[in-house]
C-alpha atoms as a PDB file:
ATOM      1  CA  UNK A   1      -1.800   1.261  -3.450  1.00  0.00           C
ATOM      2  CA  UNK A   2      -3.642  -0.332  -1.120  1.00  0.00           C
ATOM      3  CA  UNK A   3      -0.740  -2.974  -0.231  1.00  0.00           C
ATOM      4  CA  UNK A   4       1.765  -0.176   0.123  1.00  0.00           C
ATOM      5  CA  UNK A   5      -0.324   1.644   2.836  1.00  0.00           C
ATOM      6  CA  UNK A   6      -1.707  -1.955   4.377  1.00  0.00           C
ATOM      7  CA  UNK A   7       2.343  -2.945   4.789  1.00  0.00           C
ATOM      8  CA  UNK A   8       3.738   0.621   5.771  1.00  0.00           C
ATOM      9  CA  UNK A   9       1.157   2.861   7.513  1.00  0.00           C
ATOM     10  CA  UNK A  10      -1.259   0.244   9.171  1.00  0.00           C
ATOM     11  CA  UNK A  11      -3.915   0.101   6.013  1.00  0.00           C
ATOM     12  CA  UNK A  12      -4.647   3.588   6.272  1.00  0.00           C
ATOM     13  CA  UNK A  13      -5.606   5.373   2.763  1.00  0.00           C
ATOM     14  CA  UNK A  14      -5.478   8.390   1.486  1.00  0.00           C
ATOM     15  CA  UNK A  15      -8.081  10.697   1.754  1.00  0.00           C
ATOM     16  CA  UNK A  16      -8.602  10.641  -2.224  1.00  0.00           C
ATOM     17  CA  UNK A  17      -7.374   7.898  -5.039  1.00  0.00           C
ATOM     18  CA  UNK A  18      -3.702   8.440  -5.826  1.00  0.00           C
ATOM     19  CA  UNK A  19      -3.290   9.125  -9.432  1.00  0.00           C
ATOM     20  CA  UNK A  20       1.016   9.602  -8.890  1.00  0.00           C
ATOM     21  CA  UNK A  21       1.264   6.083  -7.580  1.00  0.00           C
ATOM     22  CA  UNK A  22       4.996   6.362  -7.764  1.00  0.00           C
ATOM     23  CA  UNK A  23       5.218   9.832  -5.877  1.00  0.00           C
ATOM     24  CA  UNK A  24       3.219   8.401  -2.744  1.00  0.00           C
ATOM     25  CA  UNK A  25       5.169   7.912  -0.200  1.00  0.00           C
ATOM     26  CA  UNK A  26       3.873   4.837   1.681  1.00  0.00           C
ATOM     27  CA  UNK A  27       4.564   3.205  -1.977  1.00  0.00           C
ATOM     28  CA  UNK A  28       7.686   4.646  -2.467  1.00  0.00           C
ATOM     29  CA  UNK A  29       8.968   3.005   0.975  1.00  0.00           C
ATOM     30  CA  UNK A  30       7.526  -0.347   0.211  1.00  0.00           C
ATOM     31  CA  UNK A  31       7.921  -0.930  -2.985  1.00  0.00           C
ATOM     32  CA  UNK A  32      11.868   0.086  -2.336  1.00  0.00           C
ATOM     33  CA  UNK A  33      12.372  -1.547   1.389  1.00  0.00           C
ATOM     34  CA  UNK A  34      14.074  -5.067   2.175  1.00  0.00           C
ATOM     35  CA  UNK A  35      12.122  -7.739   1.816  1.00  0.00           C
ATOM     36  CA  UNK A  36       8.733  -6.374   1.325  1.00  0.00           C
ATOM     37  CA  UNK A  37       5.721  -8.242   2.121  1.00  0.00           C
ATOM     38  CA  UNK A  38       4.212  -7.601  -1.121  1.00  0.00           C
ATOM     39  CA  UNK A  39       7.148  -7.960  -3.792  1.00  0.00           C
ATOM     40  CA  UNK A  40       5.388 -10.179  -6.650  1.00  0.00           C
ATOM     41  CA  UNK A  41       2.965  -6.845  -6.832  1.00  0.00           C
ATOM     42  CA  UNK A  42       5.321  -4.060  -6.429  1.00  0.00           C
ATOM     43  CA  UNK A  43       7.783  -4.416  -9.154  1.00  0.00           C
ATOM     44  CA  UNK A  44       7.483  -7.367 -11.786  1.00  0.00           C
ATOM     45  CA  UNK A  45       6.304  -6.634 -15.477  1.00  0.00           C
ATOM     46  CA  UNK A  46       5.922 -10.231 -16.438  1.00  0.00           C
ATOM     47  CA  UNK A  47       4.850 -12.811 -14.563  1.00  0.00           C
ATOM     48  CA  UNK A  48       5.877 -16.554 -14.776  1.00  0.00           C
ATOM     49  CA  UNK A  49       3.473 -19.248 -13.690  1.00  0.00           C
ATOM     50  CA  UNK A  50       6.161 -20.946 -11.386  1.00  0.00           C
ATOM     51  CA  UNK A  51       7.139 -20.633  -7.623  1.00  0.00           C
ATOM     52  CA  UNK A  52      10.068 -18.302  -7.411  1.00  0.00           C
ATOM     53  CA  UNK A  53      11.575 -16.764  -3.587  1.00  0.00           C
ATOM     54  CA  UNK A  54      11.205 -13.339  -5.072  1.00  0.00           C
ATOM     55  CA  UNK A  55      11.356 -11.089  -8.268  1.00  0.00           C
ATOM     56  CA  UNK A  56      14.733 -11.052 -10.335  1.00  0.00           C
ATOM     57  CA  UNK A  57      16.251  -8.848 -12.592  1.00  0.00           C
ATOM     58  CA  UNK A  58      16.611  -9.320 -16.073  1.00  0.00           C
ATOM     59  CA  UNK A  59      16.319  -8.247 -19.787  1.00  0.00           C
ATOM     60  CA  UNK A  60      13.879  -8.740 -22.229  1.00  0.00           C
ATOM     61  CA  UNK A  61      14.020  -9.655 -26.096  1.00  0.00           C
ATOM     62  CA  UNK A  62      14.619  -5.499 -26.659  1.00  0.00           C
ATOM     63  CA  UNK A  63      17.830  -5.767 -24.097  1.00  0.00           C
ATOM     64  CA  UNK A  64      15.657  -3.540 -21.883  1.00  0.00           C
ATOM     65  CA  UNK A  65      15.803  -4.232 -18.294  1.00  0.00           C
ATOM     66  CA  UNK A  66      12.593  -6.148 -16.345  1.00  0.00           C
ATOM     67  CA  UNK A  67      11.785  -7.128 -13.070  1.00  0.00           C
ATOM     68  CA  UNK A  68      10.281 -10.922 -13.283  1.00  0.00           C
ATOM     69  CA  UNK A  69       7.794 -12.721 -10.883  1.00  0.00           C
ATOM     70  CA  UNK A  70       5.825 -15.100  -9.926  1.00  0.00           C
ATOM     71  CA  UNK A  71       1.880 -15.365 -10.665  1.00  0.00           C
ATOM     72  CA  UNK A  72       2.005 -18.178  -8.113  1.00  0.00           C
ATOM     73  CA  UNK A  73       3.320 -15.607  -5.511  1.00  0.00           C
ATOM     74  CA  UNK A  74       0.901 -13.036  -6.971  1.00  0.00           C
ATOM     75  CA  UNK A  75      -1.749 -14.812  -6.886  1.00  0.00           C
ATOM     76  CA  UNK A  76      -1.258 -15.467  -2.932  1.00  0.00           C
ATOM     77  CA  UNK A  77       0.060 -11.979  -1.896  1.00  0.00           C
ATOM     78  CA  UNK A  78      -3.406 -10.641  -3.525  1.00  0.00           C
ATOM     79  CA  UNK A  79      -5.338 -12.897  -1.426  1.00  0.00           C
ATOM     80  CA  UNK A  80      -3.093 -12.165   1.792  1.00  0.00           C
ATOM     81  CA  UNK A  81      -3.785  -8.626   1.372  1.00  0.00           C
ATOM     82  CA  UNK A  82      -7.322  -9.379   0.964  1.00  0.00           C
ATOM     83  CA  UNK A  83      -7.658 -11.349   4.221  1.00  0.00           C
ATOM     84  CA  UNK A  84      -5.471  -7.920   6.034  1.00  0.00           C
ATOM     85  CA  UNK A  85      -7.842  -5.722   4.404  1.00  0.00           C
ATOM     86  CA  UNK A  86     -11.348  -5.866   2.783  1.00  0.00           C
ATOM     87  CA  UNK A  87     -11.797  -9.283   3.538  1.00  0.00           C
ATOM     88  CA  UNK A  88     -13.928  -9.551   0.234  1.00  0.00           C
ATOM     89  CA  UNK A  89     -15.786 -12.850  -0.890  1.00  0.00           C
ATOM     90  CA  UNK A  90     -16.640 -13.997  -4.437  1.00  0.00           C
ATOM     91  CA  UNK A  91     -19.939 -12.408  -4.062  1.00  0.00           C
ATOM     92  CA  UNK A  92     -18.570  -9.108  -3.000  1.00  0.00           C
ATOM     93  CA  UNK A  93     -15.663  -9.499  -6.135  1.00  0.00           C
ATOM     94  CA  UNK A  94     -17.821  -9.554  -8.586  1.00  0.00           C
ATOM     95  CA  UNK A  95     -19.702  -6.674  -6.727  1.00  0.00           C
ATOM     96  CA  UNK A  96     -16.965  -4.534  -6.451  1.00  0.00           C
ATOM     97  CA  UNK A  97     -16.382  -5.495 -10.649  1.00  0.00           C
ATOM     98  CA  UNK A  98     -19.777  -4.886 -11.518  1.00  0.00           C
ATOM     99  CA  UNK A  99     -20.070  -1.315  -9.477  1.00  0.00           C
ATOM    100  CA  UNK A 100     -16.158  -0.462 -10.052  1.00  0.00           C
ATOM    101  CA  UNK A 101     -14.947   2.932  -8.670  1.00  0.00           C
ATOM    102  CA  UNK A 102     -14.974   6.774  -8.624  1.00  0.00           C
ATOM    103  CA  UNK A 103     -11.612   7.217 -10.268  1.00  0.00           C
ATOM    104  CA  UNK A 104     -10.093  10.064  -8.432  1.00  0.00           C
ATOM    105  CA  UNK A 105     -12.921   9.763  -6.128  1.00  0.00           C
ATOM    106  CA  UNK A 106     -12.320   9.403  -2.065  1.00  0.00           C
ATOM    107  CA  UNK A 107     -10.086   6.478  -0.863  1.00  0.00           C
ATOM    108  CA  UNK A 108     -12.617   4.501   1.420  1.00  0.00           C
ATOM    109  CA  UNK A 109     -12.563   1.176   2.692  1.00  0.00           C
ATOM    110  CA  UNK A 110     -15.582  -1.067   1.742  1.00  0.00           C
ATOM    111  CA  UNK A 111     -17.944  -1.983   4.285  1.00  0.00           C
ATOM    112  CA  UNK A 112     -17.581  -4.689   6.964  1.00  0.00           C
ATOM    113  CA  UNK A 113     -13.559  -4.231   6.310  1.00  0.00           C
ATOM    114  CA  UNK A 114     -11.029  -3.807   9.135  1.00  0.00           C
ATOM    115  CA  UNK A 115      -9.409  -0.796   7.153  1.00  0.00           C
ATOM    116  CA  UNK A 116      -8.704   2.554   9.438  1.00  0.00           C
ATOM    117  CA  UNK A 117     -10.930   5.302   7.781  1.00  0.00           C
ATOM    118  CA  UNK A 118      -8.425   8.849   6.954  1.00  0.00           C
END
């Protein structure tokens, strides 16, 4: 959700946590747009440990369609998202994991981030 809002809505977060992300307007625009900034984050269901230009459509062993992305691309996109938004350090990540977040609480940027408040 953060990626979609950073890419499409200048980082402005929704006022409340989104419980039905697939219905979020910015998510839809970002994930279905051409050349999305976070392509390896939006659609893939499986990430291979290789570099790829972008995710691709394939079929799994059961014959079901799936999108495959790159774990290398995913890590790169997540790092870029962090640099453009939270600017979290390794210590911040450890604290955020420990503290957790309220499931349906307000979507507020962490202190010190450059994200605008809603």
